Amino acid sequence: MTTLDIIKNKLKFLIEEYGFTFEFNNDRGNHYVFNNKNGYIEFYEWKQFNESAIFVKYDMISKKINLIEEYPKVVGQFYKIHKGVKWLFKDERNDYWEMIAKIIATEINNKKSIFGLKI
C-alpha cells in the first residue's frame, strides 16, 4: 500500500464528516493537503532527503506544527513502541498515520479545530 493510500484511508473522516477536500501533488516532495473553507492542513514529506513537516494555514496565519511539542506523550509512546531491530524491516507508516488521525480527532473533539484551523 502506498503512503497516499494510507493517508486517504486514515484521514478520510475529514472528507466524509467535515467536508474537507483532498489534494496531492509531488512537486519537490509529496504534499498531502486537506482543504476546507477556512484554510488547510498540509502533510509534507520528501523521503530521499528525510524531510517531513505538518503545516496549517488559516486567517492569514501559517504555522509549522511540532507534534512532539503539541502531543509529547502520544508521539513519545509511538517512538517507544517503534524502536528496535524488528522495526528496521517492518513498515510503520500505517501506525504513524493512525497516530496522526487520532491526534486530529482529539484536536477536533477538544478544540473544534485542527491546530487552529476551524472546522
Protein backbone atom coordinates (compact mmCIF):
# COMPACT_ATOMS: atom_id res chain seq x y z
CA MET A 1 0.00 0.00 0.00
CA THR A 2 1.34 3.44 -0.86
CA THR A 3 1.62 6.31 1.59
CA LEU A 4 -1.04 8.12 -0.44
CA ASP A 5 -3.45 5.20 0.03
CA ILE A 6 -2.72 5.02 3.75
CA ILE A 7 -3.31 8.75 4.25
CA LYS A 8 -6.53 8.70 2.25
CA ASN A 9 -7.74 5.75 4.31
CA LYS A 10 -6.75 7.04 7.76
CA LEU A 11 -7.89 10.63 7.21
CA LYS A 12 -10.99 10.04 5.09
CA PHE A 13 -13.11 11.13 8.07
CA LEU A 14 -12.00 14.71 7.34
CA ILE A 15 -13.70 14.46 3.95
CA GLU A 16 -16.70 12.37 4.95
CA GLU A 17 -17.57 14.02 8.27
CA TYR A 18 -16.17 17.54 8.00
CA GLY A 19 -16.39 18.42 4.30
CA PHE A 20 -12.69 18.77 3.56
CA THR A 21 -11.35 18.24 0.07
CA PHE A 22 -8.11 16.43 -0.61
CA GLU A 23 -5.27 17.28 -2.98
CA PHE A 24 -1.99 15.52 -3.65
CA ASN A 25 0.99 16.77 -5.59
CA ASN A 26 4.56 15.57 -5.76
CA ASP A 27 6.38 18.72 -6.77
CA ARG A 28 9.56 18.88 -4.65
CA GLY A 29 8.37 16.19 -2.28
CA ASN A 30 4.94 14.81 -1.57
CA HIS A 31 2.25 17.23 -0.43
CA TYR A 32 -0.95 15.79 1.04
CA VAL A 33 -3.35 18.69 1.56
CA PHE A 34 -6.78 18.74 3.21
CA ASN A 35 -8.68 21.97 2.47
CA ASN A 36 -11.82 23.49 3.90
CA LYS A 37 -13.38 26.95 3.56
CA ASN A 38 -11.20 28.28 6.39
CA GLY A 39 -7.78 27.09 5.20
CA TYR A 40 -5.84 23.86 5.00
CA ILE A 41 -3.63 21.34 6.76
CA GLU A 42 -0.72 20.01 4.73
CA PHE A 43 1.39 16.94 5.36
CA TYR A 44 4.70 17.22 3.54
CA GLU A 45 7.37 14.58 3.05
CA TRP A 46 10.40 14.16 0.88
CA LYS A 47 11.78 10.73 1.69
CA GLN A 48 15.04 10.99 -0.25
CA PHE A 49 16.09 13.96 1.90
CA ASN A 50 14.45 12.59 5.08
CA GLU A 51 12.24 15.68 5.35
CA SER A 52 8.72 15.86 6.71
CA ALA A 53 6.51 18.52 8.23
CA ILE A 54 2.92 19.46 9.01
CA PHE A 55 1.70 22.94 8.11
CA VAL A 56 -1.58 24.67 8.88
CA LYS A 57 -2.79 27.84 7.20
CA TYR A 58 -5.88 29.84 8.16
CA ASP A 59 -6.87 33.51 8.59
CA MET A 60 -3.56 34.80 7.17
CA ILE A 61 -1.71 32.63 9.72
CA SER A 62 0.69 29.96 8.54
CA LYS A 63 2.44 27.73 11.02
CA LYS A 64 4.50 24.58 11.19
CA ILE A 65 3.24 22.06 13.71
CA ASN A 66 5.71 20.31 16.00
CA LEU A 67 3.92 17.14 17.12
CA ILE A 68 6.46 16.43 19.87
CA GLU A 69 5.64 19.78 21.49
CA GLU A 70 1.88 19.52 20.94
CA TYR A 71 1.41 15.85 21.92
CA PRO A 72 4.57 14.67 23.69
CA LYS A 73 3.00 11.62 25.34
CA VAL A 74 1.34 10.32 22.18
CA VAL A 75 4.39 10.83 19.97
CA GLY A 76 6.75 9.56 22.67
CA GLN A 77 4.68 6.40 23.01
CA PHE A 78 4.75 5.89 19.24
CA TYR A 79 8.56 6.15 19.15
CA LYS A 80 8.90 3.92 22.20
CA ILE A 81 6.84 1.17 20.56
CA HIS A 82 8.52 1.55 17.17
CA LYS A 83 12.15 1.28 18.17
CA GLY A 84 14.41 -1.71 17.99
CA VAL A 85 15.68 -4.15 15.43
CA LYS A 86 12.31 -5.51 14.32
CA TRP A 87 11.26 -2.06 13.10
CA LEU A 88 14.23 -1.89 10.74
CA PHE A 89 12.37 -4.32 8.50
CA LYS A 90 8.76 -3.54 9.38
CA ASP A 91 6.68 -0.77 7.80
CA GLU A 92 5.49 1.69 10.44
CA ARG A 93 3.59 4.03 8.08
CA ASN A 94 0.17 2.56 8.91
CA ASP A 95 0.75 3.04 12.65
CA TYR A 96 2.17 6.54 12.12
CA TRP A 97 -0.86 7.73 10.15
CA GLU A 98 -3.19 6.08 12.68
CA MET A 99 -1.47 8.22 15.34
CA ILE A 100 -1.92 11.34 13.18
CA ALA A 101 -5.62 10.51 12.70
CA LYS A 102 -6.09 10.15 16.47
CA ILE A 103 -4.31 13.44 17.13
CA ILE A 104 -6.52 15.24 14.60
CA ALA A 105 -9.66 13.63 16.07
CA THR A 106 -8.53 14.77 19.53
CA GLU A 107 -7.98 18.31 18.23
CA ILE A 108 -11.45 18.36 16.68
CA ASN A 109 -13.17 16.91 19.76
CA ASN A 110 -11.39 19.12 22.29
CA LYS A 111 -10.89 22.38 20.38
CA LYS A 112 -13.32 22.22 17.43
CA SER A 113 -10.31 22.97 15.22
CA ILE A 114 -7.15 21.34 13.89
CA PHE A 115 -4.22 23.28 15.33
CA GLY A 116 -6.29 26.48 14.98
CA LEU A 117 -7.90 25.65 11.61
CA LYS A 118 -11.64 25.93 12.22
CA ILE A 119 -13.78 23.00 11.19
